[in-house]
Amino acid sequence: MELYWGSGVHWWAWCLWIVLVGVFWALVIWAIVALVRWAHGGHRGPGGRGGPGGPGTPPAPWPPDGPRQSASPEENLARHYATGQIDAGEYHRRLESLRSRSFASSGSRS
């Protein structure tokens, strides 16, 4: 089907041609974007796809502590208890030990 002006081609053929060219270029652009995303493996930084542990691992209960965000010893202990690394008795024993140390060290500063 040739689309030159003097061929007697109807107006709808021109509209169809314009739409098809637009769809073609949209598919080309979509394919390039998809190829670039696939080549980068979906890396979106820490915690995102491809972050610590890779894209196939489930997220941790808490995000990893960064250089600007450090967890207190009590928060670390709570994390160990929540993940099942220690039992309730061990948690309470260690929590009491932490609190007694922090109380003793805060009282000796004055």
PDB file of N, CA and C in Angstrom:
ATOM      1  N   MET A   1       0.850  -1.177   0.000  1.00  0.00           N
ATOM      2  CA  MET A   1       0.000   0.000   0.000  1.00  0.00           C
ATOM      3  C   MET A   1       0.888   1.230   0.000  1.00  0.00           C
ATOM      4  N   GLU A   2       0.885   1.940  -1.069  1.00  0.00           N
ATOM      5  CA  GLU A   2       1.685   3.150  -1.158  1.00  0.00           C
ATOM      6  C   GLU A   2       0.817   4.340  -0.800  1.00  0.00           C
ATOM      7  N   LEU A   3       1.402   5.247  -0.045  1.00  0.00           N
ATOM      8  CA  LEU A   3       0.608   6.359   0.478  1.00  0.00           C
ATOM      9  C   LEU A   3       1.068   7.702  -0.086  1.00  0.00           C
ATOM     10  N   TYR A   4       1.158   7.831  -1.351  1.00  0.00           N
ATOM     11  CA  TYR A   4       1.458   9.150  -1.895  1.00  0.00           C
ATOM     12  C   TYR A   4       0.166   9.860  -2.244  1.00  0.00           C
ATOM     13  N   TRP A   5       0.208  11.163  -2.338  1.00  0.00           N
ATOM     14  CA  TRP A   5      -1.001  11.976  -2.374  1.00  0.00           C
ATOM     15  C   TRP A   5      -1.898  11.683  -3.584  1.00  0.00           C
ATOM     16  N   GLY A   6      -1.341  11.451  -4.702  1.00  0.00           N
ATOM     17  CA  GLY A   6      -2.156  11.326  -5.899  1.00  0.00           C
ATOM     18  C   GLY A   6      -2.717   9.931  -6.121  1.00  0.00           C
ATOM     19  N   SER A   7      -2.602   9.016  -5.191  1.00  0.00           N
ATOM     20  CA  SER A   7      -3.028   7.647  -5.393  1.00  0.00           C
ATOM     21  C   SER A   7      -4.500   7.423  -5.105  1.00  0.00           C
ATOM     22  N   GLY A   8      -5.156   8.386  -4.582  1.00  0.00           N
ATOM     23  CA  GLY A   8      -6.540   8.210  -4.226  1.00  0.00           C
ATOM     24  C   GLY A   8      -6.719   7.526  -2.881  1.00  0.00           C
ATOM     25  N   VAL A   9      -5.688   7.522  -2.048  1.00  0.00           N
ATOM     26  CA  VAL A   9      -5.759   6.917  -0.714  1.00  0.00           C
ATOM     27  C   VAL A   9      -6.654   7.793   0.156  1.00  0.00           C
ATOM     28  N   HIS A  10      -7.499   7.168   0.888  1.00  0.00           N
ATOM     29  CA  HIS A  10      -8.461   7.898   1.703  1.00  0.00           C
ATOM     30  C   HIS A  10      -7.807   8.484   2.960  1.00  0.00           C
ATOM     31  N   TRP A  11      -8.530   9.400   3.601  1.00  0.00           N
ATOM     32  CA  TRP A  11      -8.011  10.082   4.789  1.00  0.00           C
ATOM     33  C   TRP A  11      -7.760   9.105   5.927  1.00  0.00           C
ATOM     34  N   TRP A  12      -8.571   8.067   6.053  1.00  0.00           N
ATOM     35  CA  TRP A  12      -8.399   7.118   7.155  1.00  0.00           C
ATOM     36  C   TRP A  12      -7.095   6.345   7.022  1.00  0.00           C
ATOM     37  N   ALA A  13      -6.618   6.161   5.795  1.00  0.00           N
ATOM     38  CA  ALA A  13      -5.342   5.471   5.606  1.00  0.00           C
ATOM     39  C   ALA A  13      -4.194   6.323   6.137  1.00  0.00           C
ATOM     40  N   TRP A  14      -4.284   7.625   5.931  1.00  0.00           N
ATOM     41  CA  TRP A  14      -3.251   8.518   6.466  1.00  0.00           C
ATOM     42  C   TRP A  14      -3.292   8.510   7.996  1.00  0.00           C
ATOM     43  N   CYS A  15      -4.461   8.552   8.570  1.00  0.00           N
ATOM     44  CA  CYS A  15      -4.589   8.517  10.040  1.00  0.00           C
ATOM     45  C   CYS A  15      -4.066   7.196  10.592  1.00  0.00           C
ATOM     46  N   LEU A  16      -4.400   6.103   9.929  1.00  0.00           N
ATOM     47  CA  LEU A  16      -3.911   4.797  10.362  1.00  0.00           C
ATOM     48  C   LEU A  16      -2.389   4.745  10.294  1.00  0.00           C
ATOM     49  N   TRP A  17      -1.836   5.267   9.207  1.00  0.00           N
ATOM     50  CA  TRP A  17      -0.376   5.284   9.044  1.00  0.00           C
ATOM     51  C   TRP A  17       0.291   6.082  10.164  1.00  0.00           C
ATOM     52  N   ILE A  18      -0.251   7.239  10.512  1.00  0.00           N
ATOM     53  CA  ILE A  18       0.315   8.076  11.573  1.00  0.00           C
ATOM     54  C   ILE A  18       0.245   7.349  12.914  1.00  0.00           C
ATOM     55  N   VAL A  19      -0.879   6.714  13.200  1.00  0.00           N
ATOM     56  CA  VAL A  19      -1.037   5.975  14.456  1.00  0.00           C
ATOM     57  C   VAL A  19      -0.058   4.807  14.513  1.00  0.00           C
ATOM     58  N   LEU A  20       0.069   4.070  13.427  1.00  0.00           N
ATOM     59  CA  LEU A  20       0.987   2.921  13.412  1.00  0.00           C
ATOM     60  C   LEU A  20       2.442   3.345  13.580  1.00  0.00           C
ATOM     61  N   VAL A  21       2.835   4.453  12.996  1.00  0.00           N
ATOM     62  CA  VAL A  21       4.200   4.950  13.180  1.00  0.00           C
ATOM     63  C   VAL A  21       4.410   5.348  14.637  1.00  0.00           C
ATOM     64  N   GLY A  22       3.414   5.976  15.247  1.00  0.00           N
ATOM     65  CA  GLY A  22       3.526   6.335  16.671  1.00  0.00           C
ATOM     66  C   GLY A  22       3.638   5.109  17.559  1.00  0.00           C
ATOM     67  N   VAL A  23       2.838   4.086  17.265  1.00  0.00           N
ATOM     68  CA  VAL A  23       2.915   2.843  18.047  1.00  0.00           C
ATOM     69  C   VAL A  23       4.269   2.182  17.861  1.00  0.00           C
ATOM     70  N   PHE A  24       4.783   2.172  16.642  1.00  0.00           N
ATOM     71  CA  PHE A  24       6.089   1.581  16.377  1.00  0.00           C
ATOM     72  C   PHE A  24       7.171   2.250  17.221  1.00  0.00           C
ATOM     73  N   TRP A  25       7.221   3.573  17.209  1.00  0.00           N
ATOM     74  CA  TRP A  25       8.273   4.271  17.970  1.00  0.00           C
ATOM     75  C   TRP A  25       8.070   4.127  19.472  1.00  0.00           C
ATOM     76  N   ALA A  26       6.836   4.057  19.922  1.00  0.00           N
ATOM     77  CA  ALA A  26       6.596   3.821  21.353  1.00  0.00           C
ATOM     78  C   ALA A  26       7.119   2.449  21.760  1.00  0.00           C
ATOM     79  N   LEU A  27       6.909   1.443  20.909  1.00  0.00           N
ATOM     80  CA  LEU A  27       7.439   0.103  21.205  1.00  0.00           C
ATOM     81  C   LEU A  27       8.964   0.074  21.185  1.00  0.00           C
ATOM     82  N   VAL A  28       9.563   0.809  20.262  1.00  0.00           N
ATOM     83  CA  VAL A  28      11.029   0.873  20.218  1.00  0.00           C
ATOM     84  C   VAL A  28      11.570   1.505  21.495  1.00  0.00           C
ATOM     85  N   ILE A  29      10.981   2.592  21.924  1.00  0.00           N
ATOM     86  CA  ILE A  29      11.433   3.267  23.154  1.00  0.00           C
ATOM     87  C   ILE A  29      11.205   2.358  24.359  1.00  0.00           C
ATOM     88  N   TRP A  30      10.054   1.701  24.437  1.00  0.00           N
ATOM     89  CA  TRP A  30       9.780   0.787  25.541  1.00  0.00           C
ATOM     90  C   TRP A  30      10.802  -0.344  25.575  1.00  0.00           C
ATOM     91  N   ALA A  31      11.147  -0.898  24.409  1.00  0.00           N
ATOM     92  CA  ALA A  31      12.115  -1.992  24.345  1.00  0.00           C
ATOM     93  C   ALA A  31      13.488  -1.537  24.814  1.00  0.00           C
ATOM     94  N   ILE A  32      13.882  -0.327  24.465  1.00  0.00           N
ATOM     95  CA  ILE A  32      15.189   0.184  24.900  1.00  0.00           C
ATOM     96  C   ILE A  32      15.204   0.361  26.409  1.00  0.00           C
ATOM     97  N   VAL A  33      14.153   0.934  26.969  1.00  0.00           N
ATOM     98  CA  VAL A  33      14.080   1.123  28.423  1.00  0.00           C
ATOM     99  C   VAL A  33      14.090  -0.228  29.139  1.00  0.00           C
ATOM    100  N   ALA A  34      13.321  -1.194  28.630  1.00  0.00           N
ATOM    101  CA  ALA A  34      13.293  -2.520  29.252  1.00  0.00           C
ATOM    102  C   ALA A  34      14.652  -3.193  29.166  1.00  0.00           C
ATOM    103  N   LEU A  35      15.342  -3.035  28.057  1.00  0.00           N
ATOM    104  CA  LEU A  35      16.667  -3.629  27.890  1.00  0.00           C
ATOM    105  C   LEU A  35      17.677  -3.009  28.850  1.00  0.00           C
ATOM    106  N   VAL A  36      17.615  -1.701  29.022  1.00  0.00           N
ATOM    107  CA  VAL A  36      18.527  -1.031  29.954  1.00  0.00           C
ATOM    108  C   VAL A  36      18.244  -1.473  31.381  1.00  0.00           C
ATOM    109  N   ARG A  37      16.978  -1.563  31.767  1.00  0.00           N
ATOM    110  CA  ARG A  37      16.641  -2.022  33.123  1.00  0.00           C
ATOM    111  C   ARG A  37      17.086  -3.457  33.340  1.00  0.00           C
ATOM    112  N   TRP A  38      16.910  -4.302  32.328  1.00  0.00           N
ATOM    113  CA  TRP A  38      17.325  -5.695  32.443  1.00  0.00           C
ATOM    114  C   TRP A  38      18.843  -5.789  32.555  1.00  0.00           C
ATOM    115  N   ALA A  39      19.561  -4.974  31.795  1.00  0.00           N
ATOM    116  CA  ALA A  39      21.027  -5.010  31.819  1.00  0.00           C
ATOM    117  C   ALA A  39      21.570  -4.573  33.172  1.00  0.00           C
ATOM    118  N   HIS A  40      20.884  -3.653  33.821  1.00  0.00           N
ATOM    119  CA  HIS A  40      21.322  -3.192  35.141  1.00  0.00           C
ATOM    120  C   HIS A  40      20.837  -4.117  36.244  1.00  0.00           C
ATOM    121  N   GLY A  41      20.058  -5.096  35.933  1.00  0.00           N
ATOM    122  CA  GLY A  41      19.602  -6.079  36.914  1.00  0.00           C
ATOM    123  C   GLY A  41      18.614  -5.530  37.916  1.00  0.00           C
ATOM    124  N   GLY A  42      18.015  -4.394  37.652  1.00  0.00           N
ATOM    125  CA  GLY A  42      17.028  -3.840  38.564  1.00  0.00           C
ATOM    126  C   GLY A  42      17.630  -3.265  39.837  1.00  0.00           C
ATOM    127  N   HIS A  43      18.925  -2.926  39.837  1.00  0.00           N
ATOM    128  CA  HIS A  43      19.556  -2.389  41.036  1.00  0.00           C
ATOM    129  C   HIS A  43      18.971  -1.026  41.354  1.00  0.00           C
ATOM    130  N   ARG A  44      18.460  -0.897  42.548  1.00  0.00           N
ATOM    131  CA  ARG A  44      17.888   0.376  42.989  1.00  0.00           C
ATOM    132  C   ARG A  44      18.549   0.862  44.262  1.00  0.00           C
ATOM    133  N   GLY A  45      19.682   0.336  44.610  1.00  0.00           N
ATOM    134  CA  GLY A  45      20.380   0.786  45.804  1.00  0.00           C
ATOM    135  C   GLY A  45      20.115  -0.125  46.983  1.00  0.00           C
ATOM    136  N   PRO A  46      20.664   0.226  48.145  1.00  0.00           N
ATOM    137  CA  PRO A  46      20.540  -0.629  49.326  1.00  0.00           C
ATOM    138  C   PRO A  46      19.091  -0.854  49.714  1.00  0.00           C
ATOM    139  N   GLY A  47      18.765  -2.106  49.987  1.00  0.00           N
ATOM    140  CA  GLY A  47      17.426  -2.452  50.431  1.00  0.00           C
ATOM    141  C   GLY A  47      16.437  -2.667  49.308  1.00  0.00           C
ATOM    142  N   GLY A  48      16.707  -2.150  48.104  1.00  0.00           N
ATOM    143  CA  GLY A  48      15.817  -2.345  46.973  1.00  0.00           C
ATOM    144  C   GLY A  48      16.164  -3.620  46.239  1.00  0.00           C
ATOM    145  N   ARG A  49      15.585  -3.771  45.055  1.00  0.00           N
ATOM    146  CA  ARG A  49      15.915  -4.948  44.263  1.00  0.00           C
ATOM    147  C   ARG A  49      17.399  -4.935  43.968  1.00  0.00           C
ATOM    148  N   GLY A  50      18.050  -6.036  44.195  1.00  0.00           N
ATOM    149  CA  GLY A  50      19.477  -6.131  43.943  1.00  0.00           C
ATOM    150  C   GLY A  50      20.314  -5.523  45.057  1.00  0.00           C
ATOM    151  N   GLY A  51      19.688  -5.131  46.152  1.00  0.00           N
ATOM    152  CA  GLY A  51      20.423  -4.550  47.271  1.00  0.00           C
ATOM    153  C   GLY A  51      21.123  -5.633  48.068  1.00  0.00           C
ATOM    154  N   PRO A  52      21.356  -5.426  49.355  1.00  0.00           N
ATOM    155  CA  PRO A  52      22.059  -6.421  50.162  1.00  0.00           C
ATOM    156  C   PRO A  52      21.360  -7.774  50.102  1.00  0.00           C
ATOM    157  N   GLY A  53      22.088  -8.785  49.762  1.00  0.00           N
ATOM    158  CA  GLY A  53      21.530 -10.117  49.688  1.00  0.00           C
ATOM    159  C   GLY A  53      21.006 -10.485  48.322  1.00  0.00           C
ATOM    160  N   GLY A  54      20.901  -9.534  47.413  1.00  0.00           N
ATOM    161  CA  GLY A  54      20.451  -9.822  46.061  1.00  0.00           C
ATOM    162  C   GLY A  54      18.959  -9.705  45.914  1.00  0.00           C
ATOM    163  N   PRO A  55      18.470  -9.804  44.677  1.00  0.00           N
ATOM    164  CA  PRO A  55      17.047  -9.601  44.445  1.00  0.00           C
ATOM    165  C   PRO A  55      16.165 -10.749  44.902  1.00  0.00           C
ATOM    166  N   GLY A  56      16.730 -11.935  45.152  1.00  0.00           N
ATOM    167  CA  GLY A  56      15.902 -13.072  45.496  1.00  0.00           C
ATOM    168  C   GLY A  56      15.694 -13.284  46.979  1.00  0.00           C
ATOM    169  N   THR A  57      16.389 -12.556  47.825  1.00  0.00           N
ATOM    170  CA  THR A  57      16.274 -12.772  49.263  1.00  0.00           C
ATOM    171  C   THR A  57      15.160 -11.915  49.848  1.00  0.00           C
ATOM    172  N   PRO A  58      14.434 -12.430  50.838  1.00  0.00           N
ATOM    173  CA  PRO A  58      13.380 -11.620  51.456  1.00  0.00           C
ATOM    174  C   PRO A  58      13.989 -10.511  52.299  1.00  0.00           C
ATOM    175  N   PRO A  59      13.252  -9.418  52.496  1.00  0.00           N
ATOM    176  CA  PRO A  59      13.788  -8.326  53.298  1.00  0.00           C
ATOM    177  C   PRO A  59      13.941  -8.720  54.759  1.00  0.00           C
ATOM    178  N   ALA A  60      14.912  -8.123  55.413  1.00  0.00           N
ATOM    179  CA  ALA A  60      15.160  -8.377  56.833  1.00  0.00           C
ATOM    180  C   ALA A  60      14.097  -7.662  57.666  1.00  0.00           C
ATOM    181  N   PRO A  61      13.941  -8.051  58.950  1.00  0.00           N
ATOM    182  CA  PRO A  61      12.952  -7.369  59.782  1.00  0.00           C
ATOM    183  C   PRO A  61      13.232  -5.878  59.940  1.00  0.00           C
ATOM    184  N   TRP A  62      14.496  -5.507  59.980  1.00  0.00           N
ATOM    185  CA  TRP A  62      14.892  -4.117  60.091  1.00  0.00           C
ATOM    186  C   TRP A  62      15.882  -3.817  58.987  1.00  0.00           C
ATOM    187  N   PRO A  63      15.906  -2.571  58.496  1.00  0.00           N
ATOM    188  CA  PRO A  63      16.919  -2.236  57.498  1.00  0.00           C
ATOM    189  C   PRO A  63      18.303  -2.231  58.137  1.00  0.00           C
ATOM    190  N   PRO A  64      19.333  -2.492  57.363  1.00  0.00           N
ATOM    191  CA  PRO A  64      20.677  -2.483  57.940  1.00  0.00           C
ATOM    192  C   PRO A  64      21.037  -1.099  58.452  1.00  0.00           C
ATOM    193  N   ASP A  65      21.796  -1.084  59.504  1.00  0.00           N
ATOM    194  CA  ASP A  65      22.199   0.188  60.096  1.00  0.00           C
ATOM    195  C   ASP A  65      23.238   0.849  59.205  1.00  0.00           C
ATOM    196  N   GLY A  66      22.957   2.060  58.797  1.00  0.00           N
ATOM    197  CA  GLY A  66      23.895   2.811  57.966  1.00  0.00           C
ATOM    198  C   GLY A  66      24.853   3.595  58.830  1.00  0.00           C
ATOM    199  N   PRO A  67      25.753   4.319  58.199  1.00  0.00           N
ATOM    200  CA  PRO A  67      26.733   5.091  58.968  1.00  0.00           C
ATOM    201  C   PRO A  67      26.089   6.205  59.788  1.00  0.00           C
ATOM    202  N   ARG A  68      24.946   6.743  59.323  1.00  0.00           N
ATOM    203  CA  ARG A  68      24.292   7.814  60.068  1.00  0.00           C
ATOM    204  C   ARG A  68      23.257   7.297  61.036  1.00  0.00           C
ATOM    205  N   GLN A  69      22.905   6.032  60.935  1.00  0.00           N
ATOM    206  CA  GLN A  69      21.863   5.467  61.790  1.00  0.00           C
ATOM    207  C   GLN A  69      22.438   4.260  62.519  1.00  0.00           C
ATOM    208  N   SER A  70      22.696   4.412  63.803  1.00  0.00           N
ATOM    209  CA  SER A  70      23.208   3.271  64.558  1.00  0.00           C
ATOM    210  C   SER A  70      22.187   2.905  65.632  1.00  0.00           C
ATOM    211  N   ALA A  71      21.989   1.622  65.806  1.00  0.00           N
ATOM    212  CA  ALA A  71      21.007   1.140  66.773  1.00  0.00           C
ATOM    213  C   ALA A  71      21.645   1.076  68.156  1.00  0.00           C
ATOM    214  N   SER A  72      20.827   1.290  69.158  1.00  0.00           N
ATOM    215  CA  SER A  72      21.314   1.180  70.533  1.00  0.00           C
ATOM    216  C   SER A  72      21.484  -0.298  70.880  1.00  0.00           C
ATOM    217  N   PRO A  73      22.229  -0.607  71.938  1.00  0.00           N
ATOM    218  CA  PRO A  73      22.376  -2.006  72.343  1.00  0.00           C
ATOM    219  C   PRO A  73      21.032  -2.670  72.664  1.00  0.00           C
ATOM    220  N   GLU A  74      20.098  -1.913  73.233  1.00  0.00           N
ATOM    221  CA  GLU A  74      18.783  -2.484  73.538  1.00  0.00           C
ATOM    222  C   GLU A  74      18.012  -2.804  72.261  1.00  0.00           C
ATOM    223  N   GLU A  75      18.149  -1.961  71.231  1.00  0.00           N
ATOM    224  CA  GLU A  75      17.494  -2.242  69.952  1.00  0.00           C
ATOM    225  C   GLU A  75      18.103  -3.478  69.286  1.00  0.00           C
ATOM    226  N   ASN A  76      19.420  -3.603  69.372  1.00  0.00           N
ATOM    227  CA  ASN A  76      20.075  -4.799  68.821  1.00  0.00           C
ATOM    228  C   ASN A  76      19.606  -6.057  69.551  1.00  0.00           C
ATOM    229  N   LEU A  77      19.497  -5.963  70.866  1.00  0.00           N
ATOM    230  CA  LEU A  77      19.032  -7.106  71.651  1.00  0.00           C
ATOM    231  C   LEU A  77      17.591  -7.466  71.278  1.00  0.00           C
ATOM    232  N   ALA A  78      16.742  -6.446  71.111  1.00  0.00           N
ATOM    233  CA  ALA A  78      15.356  -6.685  70.711  1.00  0.00           C
ATOM    234  C   ALA A  78      15.296  -7.335  69.334  1.00  0.00           C
ATOM    235  N   ARG A  79      16.171  -6.932  68.430  1.00  0.00           N
ATOM    236  CA  ARG A  79      16.209  -7.536  67.097  1.00  0.00           C
ATOM    237  C   ARG A  79      16.585  -9.012  67.186  1.00  0.00           C
ATOM    238  N   HIS A  80      17.582  -9.350  68.025  1.00  0.00           N
ATOM    239  CA  HIS A  80      17.977 -10.746  68.191  1.00  0.00           C
ATOM    240  C   HIS A  80      16.827 -11.581  68.777  1.00  0.00           C
ATOM    241  N   TYR A  81      16.094 -10.993  69.704  1.00  0.00           N
ATOM    242  CA  TYR A  81      14.946 -11.699  70.299  1.00  0.00           C
ATOM    243  C   TYR A  81      13.829 -11.880  69.268  1.00  0.00           C
ATOM    244  N   ALA A  82      13.562 -10.813  68.495  1.00  0.00           N
ATOM    245  CA  ALA A  82      12.477 -10.865  67.511  1.00  0.00           C
ATOM    246  C   ALA A  82      12.767 -11.867  66.396  1.00  0.00           C
ATOM    247  N   THR A  83      14.024 -12.030  66.033  1.00  0.00           N
ATOM    248  CA  THR A  83      14.362 -12.977  64.967  1.00  0.00           C
ATOM    249  C   THR A  83      14.531 -14.394  65.486  1.00  0.00           C
ATOM    250  N   GLY A  84      14.422 -14.593  66.804  1.00  0.00           N
ATOM    251  CA  GLY A  84      14.502 -15.938  67.370  1.00  0.00           C
ATOM    252  C   GLY A  84      15.910 -16.420  67.651  1.00  0.00           C
ATOM    253  N   GLN A  85      16.881 -15.521  67.626  1.00  0.00           N
ATOM    254  CA  GLN A  85      18.262 -15.918  67.891  1.00  0.00           C
ATOM    255  C   GLN A  85      18.486 -16.194  69.376  1.00  0.00           C
ATOM    256  N   ILE A  86      17.685 -15.549  70.228  1.00  0.00           N
ATOM    257  CA  ILE A  86      17.760 -15.806  71.674  1.00  0.00           C
ATOM    258  C   ILE A  86      16.347 -16.014  72.188  1.00  0.00           C
ATOM    259  N   ASP A  87      16.212 -16.703  73.331  1.00  0.00           N
ATOM    260  CA  ASP A  87      14.882 -16.943  73.898  1.00  0.00           C
ATOM    261  C   ASP A  87      14.535 -15.840  74.901  1.00  0.00           C
ATOM    262  N   ALA A  88      13.341 -15.924  75.485  1.00  0.00           N
ATOM    263  CA  ALA A  88      12.851 -14.870  76.373  1.00  0.00           C
ATOM    264  C   ALA A  88      13.717 -14.734  77.623  1.00  0.00           C
ATOM    265  N   GLY A  89      14.136 -15.858  78.208  1.00  0.00           N
ATOM    266  CA  GLY A  89      14.976 -15.787  79.406  1.00  0.00           C
ATOM    267  C   GLY A  89      16.299 -15.092  79.132  1.00  0.00           C
ATOM    268  N   GLU A  90      16.933 -15.451  78.019  1.00  0.00           N
ATOM    269  CA  GLU A  90      18.201 -14.822  77.639  1.00  0.00           C
ATOM    270  C   GLU A  90      18.004 -13.338  77.354  1.00  0.00           C
ATOM    271  N   TYR A  91      16.883 -12.995  76.700  1.00  0.00           N
ATOM    272  CA  TYR A  91      16.591 -11.595  76.402  1.00  0.00           C
ATOM    273  C   TYR A  91      16.482 -10.775  77.680  1.00  0.00           C
ATOM    274  N   HIS A  92      15.701 -11.256  78.644  1.00  0.00           N
ATOM    275  CA  HIS A  92      15.511 -10.505  79.896  1.00  0.00           C
ATOM    276  C   HIS A  92      16.804 -10.429  80.700  1.00  0.00           C
ATOM    277  N   ARG A  93      17.600 -11.503  80.699  1.00  0.00           N
ATOM    278  CA  ARG A  93      18.866 -11.487  81.423  1.00  0.00           C
ATOM    279  C   ARG A  93      19.810 -10.442  80.825  1.00  0.00           C
ATOM    280  N   ARG A  94      19.921 -10.443  79.513  1.00  0.00           N
ATOM    281  CA  ARG A  94      20.819  -9.479  78.858  1.00  0.00           C
ATOM    282  C   ARG A  94      20.290  -8.050  78.974  1.00  0.00           C
ATOM    283  N   LEU A  95      18.975  -7.871  78.894  1.00  0.00           N
ATOM    284  CA  LEU A  95      18.394  -6.540  79.025  1.00  0.00           C
ATOM    285  C   LEU A  95      18.677  -5.970  80.411  1.00  0.00           C
ATOM    286  N   GLU A  96      18.527  -6.805  81.433  1.00  0.00           N
ATOM    287  CA  GLU A  96      18.825  -6.347  82.802  1.00  0.00           C
ATOM    288  C   GLU A  96      20.297  -5.979  82.921  1.00  0.00           C
ATOM    289  N   SER A  97      21.158  -6.782  82.331  1.00  0.00           N
ATOM    290  CA  SER A  97      22.591  -6.492  82.375  1.00  0.00           C
ATOM    291  C   SER A  97      22.900  -5.172  81.665  1.00  0.00           C
ATOM    292  N   LEU A  98      22.300  -4.947  80.513  1.00  0.00           N
ATOM    293  CA  LEU A  98      22.523  -3.687  79.790  1.00  0.00           C
ATOM    294  C   LEU A  98      22.035  -2.489  80.589  1.00  0.00           C
ATOM    295  N   ARG A  99      20.868  -2.604  81.166  1.00  0.00           N
ATOM    296  CA  ARG A  99      20.310  -1.484  81.924  1.00  0.00           C
ATOM    297  C   ARG A  99      21.106  -1.204  83.189  1.00  0.00           C
ATOM    298  N   SER A 100      21.612  -2.239  83.827  1.00  0.00           N
ATOM    299  CA  SER A 100      22.405  -2.001  85.024  1.00  0.00           C
ATOM    300  C   SER A 100      23.740  -1.352  84.660  1.00  0.00           C
ATOM    301  N   ARG A 101      24.337  -1.736  83.528  1.00  0.00           N
ATOM    302  CA  ARG A 101      25.585  -1.113  83.084  1.00  0.00           C
ATOM    303  C   ARG A 101      25.367   0.328  82.679  1.00  0.00           C
ATOM    304  N   SER A 102      24.280   0.609  81.942  1.00  0.00           N
ATOM    305  CA  SER A 102      24.039   1.988  81.506  1.00  0.00           C
ATOM    306  C   SER A 102      23.710   2.877  82.704  1.00  0.00           C
ATOM    307  N   PHE A 103      23.008   2.332  83.708  1.00  0.00           N
ATOM    308  CA  PHE A 103      22.707   3.105  84.911  1.00  0.00           C
ATOM    309  C   PHE A 103      23.976   3.382  85.698  1.00  0.00           C
ATOM    310  N   ALA A 104      24.842   2.389  85.828  1.00  0.00           N
ATOM    311  CA  ALA A 104      26.084   2.558  86.567  1.00  0.00           C
ATOM    312  C   ALA A 104      27.013   3.526  85.858  1.00  0.00           C
ATOM    313  N   SER A 105      27.087   3.465  84.533  1.00  0.00           N
ATOM    314  CA  SER A 105      27.988   4.357  83.816  1.00  0.00           C
ATOM    315  C   SER A 105      27.441   5.778  83.785  1.00  0.00           C
ATOM    316  N   SER A 106      26.119   5.960  83.765  1.00  0.00           N
ATOM    317  CA  SER A 106      25.571   7.313  83.753  1.00  0.00           C
ATOM    318  C   SER A 106      25.726   7.958  85.133  1.00  0.00           C
ATOM    319  N   GLY A 107      25.707   7.162  86.209  1.00  0.00           N
ATOM    320  CA  GLY A 107      25.863   7.717  87.542  1.00  0.00           C
ATOM    321  C   GLY A 107      27.305   8.094  87.836  1.00  0.00           C
ATOM    322  N   SER A 108      28.282   7.493  87.178  1.00  0.00           N
ATOM    323  CA  SER A 108      29.672   7.781  87.473  1.00  0.00           C
ATOM    324  C   SER A 108      30.189   8.971  86.688  1.00  0.00           C
ATOM    325  N   ARG A 109      29.403   9.519  85.791  1.00  0.00           N
ATOM    326  CA  ARG A 109      29.852  10.664  84.979  1.00  0.00           C
ATOM    327  C   ARG A 109      29.787  11.972  85.749  1.00  0.00           C
ATOM    328  N   SER A 110      28.968  12.081  86.760  1.00  0.00           N
ATOM    329  CA  SER A 110      28.770  13.354  87.435  1.00  0.00           C
ATOM    330  C   SER A 110      29.895  13.739  88.345  1.00  0.00           C
TER     331      SER A 110
END
